[in-house]
Amino acid sequence: MKRTIGTTLAHCLIGYRKLGTGLSKIEPDAERMAAELEAHPEVLGEAIQTVLRRAGHTEAYERLKDHTRGQRVTRETLSSVLDDPDLVLDESARERLRELTPAEYTGIASGLVDELDDPDRTH
């Protein structure tokens, strides 16, 4: 077993180098990525659930599921969740969620990147 560790590591190194070479030859298509993101407003479901939970709605996931299950999710579908008269939510939070776009919403990603980028990070 120990004799094969060097070979395994060498194959990994070769693979990583080839991967780097391959990735350096491609470019992301920003327009297509933006169009794909706009075509999938369901990514905003996480933002809606987070705001609802923060407002005390423990059934945020179920509420969103009830409005979206079995159909194509659109901005109008998500807006219908916010229009629910039984929903106790500050009007400014409703408006902020209505105006939010998939391209703007990043959740906690920026915080995670900042944490990874911190040179004083101990873990």
PDB file of N, CA and C in Angstrom:
ATOM      1  N   MET A   1       0.828  -1.190   0.000  1.00  0.00           N
ATOM      2  CA  MET A   1       0.000   0.000   0.000  1.00  0.00           C
ATOM      3  C   MET A   1       0.872   1.253   0.000  1.00  0.00           C
ATOM      4  N   LYS A   2       1.868   1.301   0.866  1.00  0.00           N
ATOM      5  CA  LYS A   2       2.696   2.498   0.975  1.00  0.00           C
ATOM      6  C   LYS A   2       3.473   2.758  -0.305  1.00  0.00           C
ATOM      7  N   ARG A   3       3.766   1.710  -1.076  1.00  0.00           N
ATOM      8  CA  ARG A   3       4.538   1.889  -2.309  1.00  0.00           C
ATOM      9  C   ARG A   3       3.737   2.648  -3.366  1.00  0.00           C
ATOM     10  N   THR A   4       2.430   2.608  -3.289  1.00  0.00           N
ATOM     11  CA  THR A   4       1.611   3.242  -4.327  1.00  0.00           C
ATOM     12  C   THR A   4       1.258   4.695  -4.021  1.00  0.00           C
ATOM     13  N   ILE A   5       1.595   5.182  -2.843  1.00  0.00           N
ATOM     14  CA  ILE A   5       1.253   6.560  -2.478  1.00  0.00           C
ATOM     15  C   ILE A   5       1.932   7.559  -3.403  1.00  0.00           C
ATOM     16  N   GLY A   6       3.205   7.352  -3.711  1.00  0.00           N
ATOM     17  CA  GLY A   6       3.928   8.262  -4.611  1.00  0.00           C
ATOM     18  C   GLY A   6       3.306   8.310  -5.994  1.00  0.00           C
ATOM     19  N   THR A   7       2.934   7.160  -6.503  1.00  0.00           N
ATOM     20  CA  THR A   7       2.299   7.100  -7.820  1.00  0.00           C
ATOM     21  C   THR A   7       0.955   7.831  -7.798  1.00  0.00           C
ATOM     22  N   THR A   8       0.211   7.616  -6.746  1.00  0.00           N
ATOM     23  CA  THR A   8      -1.090   8.276  -6.617  1.00  0.00           C
ATOM     24  C   THR A   8      -0.926   9.787  -6.565  1.00  0.00           C
ATOM     25  N   LEU A   9      -0.005  10.260  -5.766  1.00  0.00           N
ATOM     26  CA  LEU A   9       0.233  11.702  -5.673  1.00  0.00           C
ATOM     27  C   LEU A   9       0.721  12.279  -6.996  1.00  0.00           C
ATOM     28  N   ALA A  10       1.574  11.548  -7.708  1.00  0.00           N
ATOM     29  CA  ALA A  10       2.065  12.005  -9.008  1.00  0.00           C
ATOM     30  C   ALA A  10       0.918  12.122 -10.007  1.00  0.00           C
ATOM     31  N   HIS A  11       0.022  11.127 -10.008  1.00  0.00           N
ATOM     32  CA  HIS A  11      -1.132  11.198 -10.908  1.00  0.00           C
ATOM     33  C   HIS A  11      -2.023  12.386 -10.557  1.00  0.00           C
ATOM     34  N   CYS A  12      -2.200  12.650  -9.274  1.00  0.00           N
ATOM     35  CA  CYS A  12      -2.992  13.818  -8.851  1.00  0.00           C
ATOM     36  C   CYS A  12      -2.341  15.107  -9.341  1.00  0.00           C
ATOM     37  N   LEU A  13      -1.039  15.220  -9.160  1.00  0.00           N
ATOM     38  CA  LEU A  13      -0.323  16.419  -9.590  1.00  0.00           C
ATOM     39  C   LEU A  13      -0.459  16.636 -11.095  1.00  0.00           C
ATOM     40  N   ILE A  14      -0.306  15.573 -11.860  1.00  0.00           N
ATOM     41  CA  ILE A  14      -0.469  15.677 -13.315  1.00  0.00           C
ATOM     42  C   ILE A  14      -1.888  16.117 -13.650  1.00  0.00           C
ATOM     43  N   GLY A  15      -2.867  15.531 -12.970  1.00  0.00           N
ATOM     44  CA  GLY A  15      -4.266  15.894 -13.206  1.00  0.00           C
ATOM     45  C   GLY A  15      -4.548  17.343 -12.869  1.00  0.00           C
ATOM     46  N   TYR A  16      -4.018  17.834 -11.753  1.00  0.00           N
ATOM     47  CA  TYR A  16      -4.229  19.231 -11.368  1.00  0.00           C
ATOM     48  C   TYR A  16      -3.611  20.174 -12.381  1.00  0.00           C
ATOM     49  N   ARG A  17      -2.427  19.843 -12.848  1.00  0.00           N
ATOM     50  CA  ARG A  17      -1.774  20.696 -13.855  1.00  0.00           C
ATOM     51  C   ARG A  17      -2.573  20.715 -15.155  1.00  0.00           C
ATOM     52  N   LYS A  18      -3.049  19.567 -15.577  1.00  0.00           N
ATOM     53  CA  LYS A  18      -3.869  19.502 -16.802  1.00  0.00           C
ATOM     54  C   LYS A  18      -5.178  20.273 -16.622  1.00  0.00           C
ATOM     55  N   LEU A  19      -5.753  20.162 -15.450  1.00  0.00           N
ATOM     56  CA  LEU A  19      -6.977  20.897 -15.166  1.00  0.00           C
ATOM     57  C   LEU A  19      -6.725  22.397 -15.243  1.00  0.00           C
ATOM     58  N   GLY A  20      -5.633  22.849 -14.649  1.00  0.00           N
ATOM     59  CA  GLY A  20      -5.268  24.267 -14.709  1.00  0.00           C
ATOM     60  C   GLY A  20      -5.072  24.745 -16.131  1.00  0.00           C
ATOM     61  N   THR A  21      -4.408  23.925 -16.942  1.00  0.00           N
ATOM     62  CA  THR A  21      -4.190  24.270 -18.351  1.00  0.00           C
ATOM     63  C   THR A  21      -5.522  24.367 -19.086  1.00  0.00           C
ATOM     64  N   GLY A  22      -6.401  23.401 -18.849  1.00  0.00           N
ATOM     65  CA  GLY A  22      -7.709  23.408 -19.505  1.00  0.00           C
ATOM     66  C   GLY A  22      -8.557  24.595 -19.082  1.00  0.00           C
ATOM     67  N   LEU A  23      -8.574  24.888 -17.792  1.00  0.00           N
ATOM     68  CA  LEU A  23      -9.380  26.008 -17.300  1.00  0.00           C
ATOM     69  C   LEU A  23      -8.855  27.353 -17.790  1.00  0.00           C
ATOM     70  N   SER A  24      -7.564  27.446 -18.040  1.00  0.00           N
ATOM     71  CA  SER A  24      -7.011  28.710 -18.527  1.00  0.00           C
ATOM     72  C   SER A  24      -7.437  28.995 -19.966  1.00  0.00           C
ATOM     73  N   LYS A  25      -7.982  28.008 -20.645  1.00  0.00           N
ATOM     74  CA  LYS A  25      -8.389  28.170 -22.048  1.00  0.00           C
ATOM     75  C   LYS A  25      -9.866  28.517 -22.210  1.00  0.00           C
ATOM     76  N   ILE A  26     -10.594  28.573 -21.116  1.00  0.00           N
ATOM     77  CA  ILE A  26     -12.021  28.877 -21.220  1.00  0.00           C
ATOM     78  C   ILE A  26     -12.329  30.201 -20.544  1.00  0.00           C
ATOM     79  N   GLU A  27     -13.418  30.821 -21.000  1.00  0.00           N
ATOM     80  CA  GLU A  27     -13.895  32.069 -20.408  1.00  0.00           C
ATOM     81  C   GLU A  27     -15.374  31.944 -20.113  1.00  0.00           C
ATOM     82  N   PRO A  28     -15.805  32.466 -18.983  1.00  0.00           N
ATOM     83  CA  PRO A  28     -17.245  32.425 -18.702  1.00  0.00           C
ATOM     84  C   PRO A  28     -17.992  33.396 -19.617  1.00  0.00           C
ATOM     85  N   ASP A  29     -19.180  33.021 -20.018  1.00  0.00           N
ATOM     86  CA  ASP A  29     -20.030  33.860 -20.855  1.00  0.00           C
ATOM     87  C   ASP A  29     -20.942  34.651 -19.909  1.00  0.00           C
ATOM     88  N   ALA A  30     -20.520  35.863 -19.577  1.00  0.00           N
ATOM     89  CA  ALA A  30     -21.229  36.674 -18.581  1.00  0.00           C
ATOM     90  C   ALA A  30     -22.683  36.940 -18.968  1.00  0.00           C
ATOM     91  N   GLU A  31     -22.927  37.203 -20.245  1.00  0.00           N
ATOM     92  CA  GLU A  31     -24.301  37.476 -20.684  1.00  0.00           C
ATOM     93  C   GLU A  31     -25.195  36.253 -20.501  1.00  0.00           C
ATOM     94  N   ARG A  32     -24.672  35.117 -20.878  1.00  0.00           N
ATOM     95  CA  ARG A  32     -25.463  33.886 -20.754  1.00  0.00           C
ATOM     96  C   ARG A  32     -25.691  33.536 -19.287  1.00  0.00           C
ATOM     97  N   MET A  33     -24.671  33.743 -18.451  1.00  0.00           N
ATOM     98  CA  MET A  33     -24.822  33.477 -17.027  1.00  0.00           C
ATOM     99  C   MET A  33     -25.877  34.380 -16.416  1.00  0.00           C
ATOM    100  N   ALA A  34     -25.870  35.649 -16.789  1.00  0.00           N
ATOM    101  CA  ALA A  34     -26.860  36.596 -16.271  1.00  0.00           C
ATOM    102  C   ALA A  34     -28.267  36.214 -16.730  1.00  0.00           C
ATOM    103  N   ALA A  35     -28.394  35.804 -17.991  1.00  0.00           N
ATOM    104  CA  ALA A  35     -29.701  35.394 -18.509  1.00  0.00           C
ATOM    105  C   ALA A  35     -30.210  34.145 -17.789  1.00  0.00           C
ATOM    106  N   GLU A  36     -29.331  33.187 -17.544  1.00  0.00           N
ATOM    107  CA  GLU A  36     -29.712  31.973 -16.816  1.00  0.00           C
ATOM    108  C   GLU A  36     -30.190  32.301 -15.407  1.00  0.00           C
ATOM    109  N   LEU A  37     -29.462  33.197 -14.769  1.00  0.00           N
ATOM    110  CA  LEU A  37     -29.824  33.578 -13.412  1.00  0.00           C
ATOM    111  C   LEU A  37     -31.184  34.262 -13.377  1.00  0.00           C
ATOM    112  N   GLU A  38     -31.430  35.168 -14.298  1.00  0.00           N
ATOM    113  CA  GLU A  38     -32.728  35.855 -14.360  1.00  0.00           C
ATOM    114  C   GLU A  38     -33.864  34.896 -14.695  1.00  0.00           C
ATOM    115  N   ALA A  39     -33.542  33.820 -15.420  1.00  0.00           N
ATOM    116  CA  ALA A  39     -34.563  32.843 -15.799  1.00  0.00           C
ATOM    117  C   ALA A  39     -34.956  31.938 -14.637  1.00  0.00           C
ATOM    118  N   HIS A  40     -34.218  32.027 -13.524  1.00  0.00           N
ATOM    119  CA  HIS A  40     -34.491  31.167 -12.381  1.00  0.00           C
ATOM    120  C   HIS A  40     -34.670  31.983 -11.101  1.00  0.00           C
ATOM    121  N   PRO A  41     -35.811  32.676 -10.999  1.00  0.00           N
ATOM    122  CA  PRO A  41     -36.052  33.499  -9.810  1.00  0.00           C
ATOM    123  C   PRO A  41     -36.234  32.678  -8.537  1.00  0.00           C
ATOM    124  N   GLU A  42     -36.338  31.360  -8.669  1.00  0.00           N
ATOM    125  CA  GLU A  42     -36.513  30.533  -7.473  1.00  0.00           C
ATOM    126  C   GLU A  42     -35.327  30.631  -6.511  1.00  0.00           C
ATOM    127  N   VAL A  43     -34.188  31.130  -6.982  1.00  0.00           N
ATOM    128  CA  VAL A  43     -33.055  31.320  -6.067  1.00  0.00           C
ATOM    129  C   VAL A  43     -33.399  32.342  -4.983  1.00  0.00           C
ATOM    130  N   LEU A  44     -34.388  33.175  -5.240  1.00  0.00           N
ATOM    131  CA  LEU A  44     -34.807  34.164  -4.246  1.00  0.00           C
ATOM    132  C   LEU A  44     -35.637  33.535  -3.123  1.00  0.00           C
ATOM    133  N   GLY A  45     -36.010  32.284  -3.294  1.00  0.00           N
ATOM    134  CA  GLY A  45     -36.763  31.585  -2.257  1.00  0.00           C
ATOM    135  C   GLY A  45     -36.011  31.554  -0.937  1.00  0.00           C
ATOM    136  N   GLU A  46     -34.698  31.410  -1.014  1.00  0.00           N
ATOM    137  CA  GLU A  46     -33.897  31.411   0.209  1.00  0.00           C
ATOM    138  C   GLU A  46     -33.994  32.756   0.917  1.00  0.00           C
ATOM    139  N   ALA A  47     -33.926  33.845   0.157  1.00  0.00           N
ATOM    140  CA  ALA A  47     -34.027  35.179   0.757  1.00  0.00           C
ATOM    141  C   ALA A  47     -35.386  35.367   1.421  1.00  0.00           C
ATOM    142  N   ILE A  48     -36.431  34.931   0.748  1.00  0.00           N
ATOM    143  CA  ILE A  48     -37.781  35.073   1.302  1.00  0.00           C
ATOM    144  C   ILE A  48     -37.910  34.260   2.587  1.00  0.00           C
ATOM    145  N   GLN A  49     -37.425  33.026   2.560  1.00  0.00           N
ATOM    146  CA  GLN A  49     -37.494  32.189   3.759  1.00  0.00           C
ATOM    147  C   GLN A  49     -36.713  32.804   4.915  1.00  0.00           C
ATOM    148  N   THR A  50     -35.552  33.335   4.623  1.00  0.00           N
ATOM    149  CA  THR A  50     -34.708  33.929   5.668  1.00  0.00           C
ATOM    150  C   THR A  50     -35.402  35.113   6.318  1.00  0.00           C
ATOM    151  N   VAL A  51     -35.978  35.993   5.497  1.00  0.00           N
ATOM    152  CA  VAL A  51     -36.665  37.171   6.033  1.00  0.00           C
ATOM    153  C   VAL A  51     -37.904  36.750   6.820  1.00  0.00           C
ATOM    154  N   LEU A  52     -38.633  35.763   6.321  1.00  0.00           N
ATOM    155  CA  LEU A  52     -39.821  35.292   7.035  1.00  0.00           C
ATOM    156  C   LEU A  52     -39.450  34.676   8.387  1.00  0.00           C
ATOM    157  N   ARG A  53     -38.388  33.904   8.403  1.00  0.00           N
ATOM    158  CA  ARG A  53     -37.961  33.303   9.682  1.00  0.00           C
ATOM    159  C   ARG A  53     -37.526  34.379  10.663  1.00  0.00           C
ATOM    160  N   ARG A  54     -36.812  35.387  10.147  1.00  0.00           N
ATOM    161  CA  ARG A  54     -36.368  36.481  11.012  1.00  0.00           C
ATOM    162  C   ARG A  54     -37.569  37.225  11.590  1.00  0.00           C
ATOM    163  N   ALA A  55     -38.676  37.268  10.839  1.00  0.00           N
ATOM    164  CA  ALA A  55     -39.892  37.947  11.300  1.00  0.00           C
ATOM    165  C   ALA A  55     -40.733  37.051  12.203  1.00  0.00           C
ATOM    166  N   GLY A  56     -40.246  35.828  12.478  1.00  0.00           N
ATOM    167  CA  GLY A  56     -40.945  34.946  13.398  1.00  0.00           C
ATOM    168  C   GLY A  56     -41.805  33.879  12.753  1.00  0.00           C
ATOM    169  N   HIS A  57     -41.774  33.747  11.448  1.00  0.00           N
ATOM    170  CA  HIS A  57     -42.562  32.722  10.751  1.00  0.00           C
ATOM    171  C   HIS A  57     -41.759  31.421  10.705  1.00  0.00           C
ATOM    172  N   THR A  58     -42.042  30.516  11.611  1.00  0.00           N
ATOM    173  CA  THR A  58     -41.291  29.261  11.673  1.00  0.00           C
ATOM    174  C   THR A  58     -41.633  28.331  10.505  1.00  0.00           C
ATOM    175  N   GLU A  59     -42.762  28.571   9.854  1.00  0.00           N
ATOM    176  CA  GLU A  59     -43.199  27.725   8.747  1.00  0.00           C
ATOM    177  C   GLU A  59     -42.875  28.368   7.391  1.00  0.00           C
ATOM    178  N   ALA A  60     -41.781  29.100   7.308  1.00  0.00           N
ATOM    179  CA  ALA A  60     -41.421  29.841   6.085  1.00  0.00           C
ATOM    180  C   ALA A  60     -41.263  28.924   4.879  1.00  0.00           C
ATOM    181  N   TYR A  61     -40.594  27.808   5.060  1.00  0.00           N
ATOM    182  CA  TYR A  61     -40.390  26.876   3.954  1.00  0.00           C
ATOM    183  C   TYR A  61     -41.733  26.343   3.453  1.00  0.00           C
ATOM    184  N   GLU A  62     -42.579  25.921   4.369  1.00  0.00           N
ATOM    185  CA  GLU A  62     -43.872  25.356   3.995  1.00  0.00           C
ATOM    186  C   GLU A  62     -44.744  26.393   3.291  1.00  0.00           C
ATOM    187  N   ARG A  63     -44.694  27.633   3.763  1.00  0.00           N
ATOM    188  CA  ARG A  63     -45.481  28.708   3.156  1.00  0.00           C
ATOM    189  C   ARG A  63     -45.043  28.922   1.703  1.00  0.00           C
ATOM    190  N   LEU A  64     -43.731  28.953   1.492  1.00  0.00           N
ATOM    191  CA  LEU A  64     -43.202  29.134   0.138  1.00  0.00           C
ATOM    192  C   LEU A  64     -43.546  27.925  -0.729  1.00  0.00           C
ATOM    193  N   LYS A  65     -43.417  26.749  -0.169  1.00  0.00           N
ATOM    194  CA  LYS A  65     -43.727  25.517  -0.900  1.00  0.00           C
ATOM    195  C   LYS A  65     -45.186  25.493  -1.335  1.00  0.00           C
ATOM    196  N   ASP A  66     -46.091  25.909  -0.455  1.00  0.00           N
ATOM    197  CA  ASP A  66     -47.513  25.921  -0.789  1.00  0.00           C
ATOM    198  C   ASP A  66     -47.814  26.814  -1.989  1.00  0.00           C
ATOM    199  N   HIS A  67     -47.065  27.894  -2.137  1.00  0.00           N
ATOM    200  CA  HIS A  67     -47.308  28.834  -3.230  1.00  0.00           C
ATOM    201  C   HIS A  67     -46.599  28.428  -4.527  1.00  0.00           C
ATOM    202  N   THR A  68     -45.615  27.550  -4.445  1.00  0.00           N
ATOM    203  CA  THR A  68     -44.798  27.281  -5.636  1.00  0.00           C
ATOM    204  C   THR A  68     -44.822  25.834  -6.123  1.00  0.00           C
ATOM    205  N   ARG A  69     -45.250  24.905  -5.303  1.00  0.00           N
ATOM    206  CA  ARG A  69     -45.178  23.493  -5.679  1.00  0.00           C
ATOM    207  C   ARG A  69     -46.018  23.186  -6.914  1.00  0.00           C
ATOM    208  N   GLY A  70     -45.417  22.419  -7.831  1.00  0.00           N
ATOM    209  CA  GLY A  70     -46.138  21.955  -9.011  1.00  0.00           C
ATOM    210  C   GLY A  70     -46.261  22.971 -10.128  1.00  0.00           C
ATOM    211  N   GLN A  71     -45.553  24.067 -10.042  1.00  0.00           N
ATOM    212  CA  GLN A  71     -45.632  25.074 -11.094  1.00  0.00           C
ATOM    213  C   GLN A  71     -44.266  25.703 -11.342  1.00  0.00           C
ATOM    214  N   ARG A  72     -44.144  26.338 -12.470  1.00  0.00           N
ATOM    215  CA  ARG A  72     -42.902  27.048 -12.772  1.00  0.00           C
ATOM    216  C   ARG A  72     -42.864  28.299 -11.893  1.00  0.00           C
ATOM    217  N   VAL A  73     -41.755  28.488 -11.203  1.00  0.00           N
ATOM    218  CA  VAL A  73     -41.629  29.618 -10.294  1.00  0.00           C
ATOM    219  C   VAL A  73     -41.255  30.867 -11.090  1.00  0.00           C
ATOM    220  N   THR A  74     -42.046  31.912 -10.900  1.00  0.00           N
ATOM    221  CA  THR A  74     -41.797  33.195 -11.562  1.00  0.00           C
ATOM    222  C   THR A  74     -41.713  34.281 -10.493  1.00  0.00           C
ATOM    223  N   ARG A  75     -41.350  35.465 -10.924  1.00  0.00           N
ATOM    224  CA  ARG A  75     -41.326  36.594  -9.982  1.00  0.00           C
ATOM    225  C   ARG A  75     -42.723  36.829  -9.411  1.00  0.00           C
ATOM    226  N   GLU A  76     -43.738  36.631 -10.247  1.00  0.00           N
ATOM    227  CA  GLU A  76     -45.120  36.822  -9.808  1.00  0.00           C
ATOM    228  C   GLU A  76     -45.500  35.774  -8.752  1.00  0.00           C
ATOM    229  N   THR A  77     -45.042  34.543  -8.953  1.00  0.00           N
ATOM    230  CA  THR A  77     -45.304  33.481  -7.976  1.00  0.00           C
ATOM    231  C   THR A  77     -44.711  33.856  -6.631  1.00  0.00           C
ATOM    232  N   LEU A  78     -43.469  34.308  -6.651  1.00  0.00           N
ATOM    233  CA  LEU A  78     -42.811  34.688  -5.399  1.00  0.00           C
ATOM    234  C   LEU A  78     -43.485  35.904  -4.775  1.00  0.00           C
ATOM    235  N   SER A  79     -43.946  36.816  -5.615  1.00  0.00           N
ATOM    236  CA  SER A  79     -44.645  37.995  -5.115  1.00  0.00           C
ATOM    237  C   SER A  79     -45.961  37.605  -4.445  1.00  0.00           C
ATOM    238  N   SER A  80     -46.590  36.544  -4.943  1.00  0.00           N
ATOM    239  CA  SER A  80     -47.849  36.097  -4.334  1.00  0.00           C
ATOM    240  C   SER A  80     -47.637  35.634  -2.897  1.00  0.00           C
ATOM    241  N   VAL A  81     -46.459  35.111  -2.601  1.00  0.00           N
ATOM    242  CA  VAL A  81     -46.151  34.728  -1.222  1.00  0.00           C
ATOM    243  C   VAL A  81     -46.175  35.976  -0.351  1.00  0.00           C
ATOM    244  N   LEU A  82     -45.593  37.045  -0.852  1.00  0.00           N
ATOM    245  CA  LEU A  82     -45.511  38.296  -0.092  1.00  0.00           C
ATOM    246  C   LEU A  82     -46.848  39.014  -0.001  1.00  0.00           C
ATOM    247  N   ASP A  83     -47.760  38.728  -0.939  1.00  0.00           N
ATOM    248  CA  ASP A  83     -49.088  39.352  -0.941  1.00  0.00           C
ATOM    249  C   ASP A  83     -50.073  38.656  -0.008  1.00  0.00           C
ATOM    250  N   ASP A  84     -49.688  37.520   0.534  1.00  0.00           N
ATOM    251  CA  ASP A  84     -50.571  36.752   1.407  1.00  0.00           C
ATOM    252  C   ASP A  84     -51.017  37.630   2.582  1.00  0.00           C
ATOM    253  N   PRO A  85     -52.326  37.840   2.743  1.00  0.00           N
ATOM    254  CA  PRO A  85     -52.819  38.711   3.823  1.00  0.00           C
ATOM    255  C   PRO A  85     -52.535  38.164   5.227  1.00  0.00           C
ATOM    256  N   ASP A  86     -52.324  36.867   5.347  1.00  0.00           N
ATOM    257  CA  ASP A  86     -52.022  36.274   6.646  1.00  0.00           C
ATOM    258  C   ASP A  86     -50.562  36.462   7.050  1.00  0.00           C
ATOM    259  N   LEU A  87     -49.764  36.962   6.135  1.00  0.00           N
ATOM    260  CA  LEU A  87     -48.329  37.125   6.382  1.00  0.00           C
ATOM    261  C   LEU A  87     -48.067  38.394   7.182  1.00  0.00           C
ATOM    262  N   VAL A  88     -47.539  38.227   8.381  1.00  0.00           N
ATOM    263  CA  VAL A  88     -47.197  39.374   9.216  1.00  0.00           C
ATOM    264  C   VAL A  88     -45.748  39.727   8.906  1.00  0.00           C
ATOM    265  N   LEU A  89     -45.584  40.814   8.125  1.00  0.00           N
ATOM    266  CA  LEU A  89     -44.253  41.217   7.685  1.00  0.00           C
ATOM    267  C   LEU A  89     -44.252  42.713   7.448  1.00  0.00           C
ATOM    268  N   ASP A  90     -43.206  43.363   7.881  1.00  0.00           N
ATOM    269  CA  ASP A  90     -43.047  44.796   7.704  1.00  0.00           C
ATOM    270  C   ASP A  90     -43.122  45.148   6.210  1.00  0.00           C
ATOM    271  N   GLU A  91     -43.816  46.220   5.879  1.00  0.00           N
ATOM    272  CA  GLU A  91     -43.998  46.614   4.475  1.00  0.00           C
ATOM    273  C   GLU A  91     -42.666  46.911   3.790  1.00  0.00           C
ATOM    274  N   SER A  92     -41.714  47.474   4.515  1.00  0.00           N
ATOM    275  CA  SER A  92     -40.407  47.756   3.898  1.00  0.00           C
ATOM    276  C   SER A  92     -39.688  46.457   3.541  1.00  0.00           C
ATOM    277  N   ALA A  93     -39.852  45.413   4.357  1.00  0.00           N
ATOM    278  CA  ALA A  93     -39.250  44.115   4.047  1.00  0.00           C
ATOM    279  C   ALA A  93     -39.911  43.504   2.815  1.00  0.00           C
ATOM    280  N   ARG A  94     -41.238  43.653   2.709  1.00  0.00           N
ATOM    281  CA  ARG A  94     -41.949  43.150   1.523  1.00  0.00           C
ATOM    282  C   ARG A  94     -41.429  43.832   0.256  1.00  0.00           C
ATOM    283  N   GLU A  95     -41.300  45.146   0.317  1.00  0.00           N
ATOM    284  CA  GLU A  95     -40.833  45.892  -0.859  1.00  0.00           C
ATOM    285  C   GLU A  95     -39.402  45.529  -1.223  1.00  0.00           C
ATOM    286  N   ARG A  96     -38.565  45.389  -0.212  1.00  0.00           N
ATOM    287  CA  ARG A  96     -37.166  45.025  -0.456  1.00  0.00           C
ATOM    288  C   ARG A  96     -37.088  43.657  -1.135  1.00  0.00           C
ATOM    289  N   LEU A  97     -37.903  42.709  -0.695  1.00  0.00           N
ATOM    290  CA  LEU A  97     -37.923  41.385  -1.308  1.00  0.00           C
ATOM    291  C   LEU A  97     -38.498  41.424  -2.718  1.00  0.00           C
ATOM    292  N   ARG A  98     -39.510  42.259  -2.936  1.00  0.00           N
ATOM    293  CA  ARG A  98     -40.090  42.371  -4.281  1.00  0.00           C
ATOM    294  C   ARG A  98     -39.091  42.949  -5.283  1.00  0.00           C
ATOM    295  N   GLU A  99     -38.263  43.871  -4.820  1.00  0.00           N
ATOM    296  CA  GLU A  99     -37.301  44.532  -5.700  1.00  0.00           C
ATOM    297  C   GLU A  99     -36.010  43.728  -5.891  1.00  0.00           C
ATOM    298  N   LEU A 100     -35.781  42.750  -5.052  1.00  0.00           N
ATOM    299  CA  LEU A 100     -34.563  41.951  -5.123  1.00  0.00           C
ATOM    300  C   LEU A 100     -34.541  41.114  -6.399  1.00  0.00           C
ATOM    301  N   THR A 101     -33.396  41.069  -7.047  1.00  0.00           N
ATOM    302  CA  THR A 101     -33.245  40.260  -8.261  1.00  0.00           C
ATOM    303  C   THR A 101     -32.296  39.096  -7.974  1.00  0.00           C
ATOM    304  N   PRO A 102     -32.397  38.030  -8.755  1.00  0.00           N
ATOM    305  CA  PRO A 102     -31.472  36.908  -8.554  1.00  0.00           C
ATOM    306  C   PRO A 102     -30.003  37.323  -8.671  1.00  0.00           C
ATOM    307  N   ALA A 103     -29.699  38.278  -9.512  1.00  0.00           N
ATOM    308  CA  ALA A 103     -28.312  38.713  -9.688  1.00  0.00           C
ATOM    309  C   ALA A 103     -27.797  39.462  -8.461  1.00  0.00           C
ATOM    310  N   GLU A 104     -28.695  40.111  -7.728  1.00  0.00           N
ATOM    311  CA  GLU A 104     -28.295  40.878  -6.550  1.00  0.00           C
ATOM    312  C   GLU A 104     -28.147  40.012  -5.304  1.00  0.00           C
ATOM    313  N   TYR A 105     -28.893  38.923  -5.258  1.00  0.00           N
ATOM    314  CA  TYR A 105     -28.923  38.117  -4.040  1.00  0.00           C
ATOM    315  C   TYR A 105     -27.740  37.160  -3.983  1.00  0.00           C
ATOM    316  N   THR A 106     -26.963  37.288  -2.935  1.00  0.00           N
ATOM    317  CA  THR A 106     -25.822  36.384  -2.745  1.00  0.00           C
ATOM    318  C   THR A 106     -25.872  35.673  -1.407  1.00  0.00           C
ATOM    319  N   GLY A 107     -26.889  35.932  -0.615  1.00  0.00           N
ATOM    320  CA  GLY A 107     -26.989  35.268   0.678  1.00  0.00           C
ATOM    321  C   GLY A 107     -25.803  35.602   1.563  1.00  0.00           C
ATOM    322  N   ILE A 108     -25.201  34.586   2.139  1.00  0.00           N
ATOM    323  CA  ILE A 108     -24.060  34.808   3.030  1.00  0.00           C
ATOM    324  C   ILE A 108     -22.728  34.588   2.312  1.00  0.00           C
ATOM    325  N   ALA A 109     -22.763  34.468   0.988  1.00  0.00           N
ATOM    326  CA  ALA A 109     -21.549  34.155   0.231  1.00  0.00           C
ATOM    327  C   ALA A 109     -20.435  35.168   0.459  1.00  0.00           C
ATOM    328  N   SER A 110     -20.746  36.458   0.461  1.00  0.00           N
ATOM    329  CA  SER A 110     -19.692  37.455   0.629  1.00  0.00           C
ATOM    330  C   SER A 110     -19.051  37.349   2.005  1.00  0.00           C
ATOM    331  N   GLY A 111     -19.839  37.040   3.018  1.00  0.00           N
ATOM    332  CA  GLY A 111     -19.290  36.846   4.361  1.00  0.00           C
ATOM    333  C   GLY A 111     -18.376  35.635   4.432  1.00  0.00           C
ATOM    334  N   LEU A 112     -18.753  34.571   3.727  1.00  0.00           N
ATOM    335  CA  LEU A 112     -17.914  33.373   3.708  1.00  0.00           C
ATOM    336  C   LEU A 112     -16.596  33.648   3.002  1.00  0.00           C
ATOM    337  N   VAL A 113     -16.655  34.393   1.913  1.00  0.00           N
ATOM    338  CA  VAL A 113     -15.436  34.736   1.188  1.00  0.00           C
ATOM    339  C   VAL A 113     -14.537  35.606   2.054  1.00  0.00           C
ATOM    340  N   ASP A 114     -15.133  36.570   2.743  1.00  0.00           N
ATOM    341  CA  ASP A 114     -14.343  37.420   3.639  1.00  0.00           C
ATOM    342  C   ASP A 114     -13.677  36.587   4.726  1.00  0.00           C
ATOM    343  N   GLU A 115     -14.412  35.612   5.231  1.00  0.00           N
ATOM    344  CA  GLU A 115     -13.860  34.745   6.267  1.00  0.00           C
ATOM    345  C   GLU A 115     -12.688  33.923   5.716  1.00  0.00           C
ATOM    346  N   LEU A 116     -12.829  33.414   4.515  1.00  0.00           N
ATOM    347  CA  LEU A 116     -11.744  32.634   3.904  1.00  0.00           C
ATOM    348  C   LEU A 116     -10.545  33.497   3.548  1.00  0.00           C
ATOM    349  N   ASP A 117     -10.814  34.759   3.244  1.00  0.00           N
ATOM    350  CA  ASP A 117      -9.770  35.685   2.821  1.00  0.00           C
ATOM    351  C   ASP A 117      -9.023  36.288   4.014  1.00  0.00           C
ATOM    352  N   ASP A 118      -9.525  36.053   5.220  1.00  0.00           N
ATOM    353  CA  ASP A 118      -8.931  36.633   6.431  1.00  0.00           C
ATOM    354  C   ASP A 118      -7.621  35.922   6.771  1.00  0.00           C
ATOM    355  N   PRO A 119      -6.487  36.635   6.745  1.00  0.00           N
ATOM    356  CA  PRO A 119      -5.205  35.989   7.037  1.00  0.00           C
ATOM    357  C   PRO A 119      -5.077  35.574   8.507  1.00  0.00           C
ATOM    358  N   ASP A 120      -5.885  36.157   9.387  1.00  0.00           N
ATOM    359  CA  ASP A 120      -5.828  35.811  10.811  1.00  0.00           C
ATOM    360  C   ASP A 120      -6.740  34.633  11.155  1.00  0.00           C
ATOM    361  N   ARG A 121      -7.349  34.057  10.144  1.00  0.00           N
ATOM    362  CA  ARG A 121      -8.272  32.957  10.363  1.00  0.00           C
ATOM    363  C   ARG A 121      -7.523  31.760  10.964  1.00  0.00           C
ATOM    364  N   THR A 122      -8.042  31.203  12.021  1.00  0.00           N
ATOM    365  CA  THR A 122      -7.352  30.120  12.720  1.00  0.00           C
ATOM    366  C   THR A 122      -7.879  28.742  12.374  1.00  0.00           C
ATOM    367  N   HIS A 123      -8.986  28.620  11.658  1.00  0.00           N
ATOM    368  CA  HIS A 123      -9.536  27.300  11.330  1.00  0.00           C
ATOM    369  C   HIS A 123      -9.713  27.126   9.850  1.00  0.00           C
TER     370      HIS A 123
END
